[in-house]
């Protein structure tokens, strides 16, 4: 599968999922001594005030991908919309990041399966023969 502007947000989301999972594990470990979910949420809120631009870049990538894929495939557009909502949730309510992670997984899946179902046009000299 060739990388394009339509699939680039899915790749960024995969890296962001791993980053956010590590951040969530780090917040859990930091508050392990006197464990409470509100303390974990407060830690995540504190970290997000410094790291919000990482999610903002993901929103920009999804907006570009939506603009490029409006006429191609609805599955890609739905995946990008879900990805935008998940990144906004990551910025605004990072203490519910587990639900945003689930949204990122579904968005990435929609984008990649939609991109695989899209028929790419065959150009001359590409080495591919039209049937």
Protein backbone atom coordinates (compact mmCIF):
# COMPACT_ATOMS: atom_id res chain seq x y z
CA UNK A 1 0.00 0.00 0.00
CA UNK A 2 1.40 3.36 -1.06
CA UNK A 3 1.45 6.26 1.41
CA UNK A 4 -0.71 9.23 0.43
CA UNK A 5 -2.24 12.30 2.04
CA UNK A 6 -5.43 10.31 2.58
CA UNK A 7 -3.65 7.54 4.54
CA UNK A 8 -1.10 9.74 6.34
CA UNK A 9 -3.48 10.56 9.25
CA UNK A 10 -3.93 6.83 9.86
CA UNK A 11 -0.16 6.38 10.17
CA UNK A 12 0.08 9.39 12.49
CA UNK A 13 -2.83 8.00 14.54
CA UNK A 14 -1.04 4.68 14.94
CA UNK A 15 2.00 6.46 16.37
CA UNK A 16 -0.29 8.64 18.50
CA UNK A 17 -2.10 5.57 19.89
CA UNK A 18 1.21 4.14 21.10
CA UNK A 19 2.29 7.51 22.49
CA UNK A 20 -1.02 8.02 24.32
CA UNK A 21 -0.96 4.47 25.69
CA UNK A 22 2.54 5.06 27.07
CA UNK A 23 1.39 8.38 28.53
CA UNK A 24 -1.59 6.66 30.18
CA UNK A 25 0.64 3.93 31.61
CA UNK A 26 3.06 6.60 32.88
CA UNK A 27 0.24 8.46 34.63
CA UNK A 28 -0.95 5.22 36.20
CA UNK A 29 2.56 4.39 37.43
CA UNK A 30 3.10 7.90 38.82
CA UNK A 31 -0.05 7.61 40.90
CA UNK A 32 0.42 3.97 41.89
CA UNK A 33 1.41 4.67 45.50
CA UNK A 34 -1.90 6.31 46.42
CA UNK A 35 -3.96 5.13 43.45
CA UNK A 36 -7.08 7.04 42.52
CA UNK A 37 -8.59 7.64 39.10
CA UNK A 38 -9.07 11.38 39.76
CA UNK A 39 -5.33 11.67 40.47
CA UNK A 40 -4.53 9.92 37.19
CA UNK A 41 -6.94 12.26 35.40
CA UNK A 42 -5.35 15.30 37.03
CA UNK A 43 -1.90 14.11 35.92
CA UNK A 44 -3.12 13.66 32.35
CA UNK A 45 -4.75 17.11 32.39
CA UNK A 46 -1.49 18.64 33.62
CA UNK A 47 0.55 16.93 30.89
CA UNK A 48 -1.93 17.88 28.17
CA UNK A 49 -1.40 21.57 28.86
CA UNK A 50 2.15 21.07 27.53
CA UNK A 51 1.48 18.52 24.78
CA UNK A 52 -1.75 19.68 23.10
CA UNK A 53 0.04 20.59 19.86
CA UNK A 54 0.70 16.89 19.14
CA UNK A 55 -3.06 16.32 18.88
CA UNK A 56 -3.56 19.61 17.01
CA UNK A 57 -1.20 18.36 14.28
CA UNK A 58 -3.34 15.21 14.00
CA UNK A 59 -6.46 17.35 13.54
CA UNK A 60 -4.75 19.24 10.71
CA UNK A 61 -3.75 15.98 9.02
CA UNK A 62 -7.31 14.65 9.25
CA UNK A 63 -8.73 17.90 7.84
CA UNK A 64 -6.37 17.66 4.85
CA UNK A 65 -7.36 14.04 4.34
CA UNK A 66 -11.07 14.91 4.50
CA UNK A 67 -10.58 17.57 1.84
CA UNK A 68 -8.72 15.10 -0.40
CA UNK A 69 -11.20 12.25 0.04
CA UNK A 70 -14.60 13.93 -0.08
CA UNK A 71 -15.61 12.42 -3.42
CA UNK A 72 -13.71 9.14 -3.12
CA UNK A 73 -15.10 7.03 -0.32
CA UNK A 74 -17.52 7.63 2.54
CA UNK A 75 -15.65 5.22 4.81
CA UNK A 76 -12.53 7.41 4.63
CA UNK A 77 -14.57 10.55 5.35
CA UNK A 78 -16.24 8.88 8.36
CA UNK A 79 -12.88 7.67 9.63
CA UNK A 80 -11.39 11.15 9.34
CA UNK A 81 -14.36 12.70 11.11
CA UNK A 82 -14.03 10.17 13.93
CA UNK A 83 -10.28 10.85 14.07
CA UNK A 84 -10.88 14.60 14.35
CA UNK A 85 -13.35 14.01 17.20
CA UNK A 86 -10.89 11.69 18.96
CA UNK A 87 -8.08 14.26 18.73
CA UNK A 88 -10.39 17.00 20.03
CA UNK A 89 -11.34 14.71 22.91
CA UNK A 90 -7.64 14.12 23.60
CA UNK A 91 -7.11 17.87 23.90
CA UNK A 92 -10.21 18.78 25.89
CA UNK A 93 -10.73 15.78 28.15
CA UNK A 94 -7.48 13.81 28.41
CA UNK A 95 -8.66 12.08 31.60
CA UNK A 96 -11.02 10.05 29.36
CA UNK A 97 -8.19 9.16 27.00
CA UNK A 98 -9.03 5.46 26.99
CA UNK A 99 -12.23 6.25 25.07
CA UNK A 100 -10.34 8.55 22.70
CA UNK A 101 -7.87 5.70 22.09
CA UNK A 102 -10.76 3.45 21.08
CA UNK A 103 -11.96 6.21 18.74
CA UNK A 104 -8.47 6.42 17.19
CA UNK A 105 -8.40 2.66 16.62
CA UNK A 106 -11.79 2.71 14.86
CA UNK A 107 -10.86 5.80 12.82
CA UNK A 108 -7.60 4.24 11.68
CA UNK A 109 -9.38 1.03 10.74
CA UNK A 110 -12.01 2.91 8.74
CA UNK A 111 -9.42 4.96 6.87
CA UNK A 112 -7.21 2.02 5.99
CA UNK A 113 -10.04 -0.29 4.92
CA UNK A 114 -11.63 2.54 2.94
CA UNK A 115 -8.32 3.27 1.24
CA UNK A 116 -7.90 -0.40 0.31
CA UNK A 117 -11.37 -0.46 -1.28
CA UNK A 118 -10.76 2.65 -3.37
CA UNK A 119 -9.82 1.88 -6.96
CA UNK A 120 -6.69 3.75 -7.93
CA UNK A 121 -6.59 5.08 -11.48
CA UNK A 122 -4.03 3.50 -13.77
CA UNK A 123 -1.68 5.99 -15.38
CA UNK A 124 0.53 5.47 -18.40
CA UNK A 125 4.04 4.33 -17.62
CA UNK A 126 3.13 3.05 -14.19
CA UNK A 127 3.88 -0.54 -15.13
CA UNK A 128 0.30 -1.63 -14.42
CA UNK A 129 -1.97 -2.76 -17.19
CA UNK A 130 -5.67 -1.95 -17.24
CA UNK A 131 -8.01 -4.88 -17.77
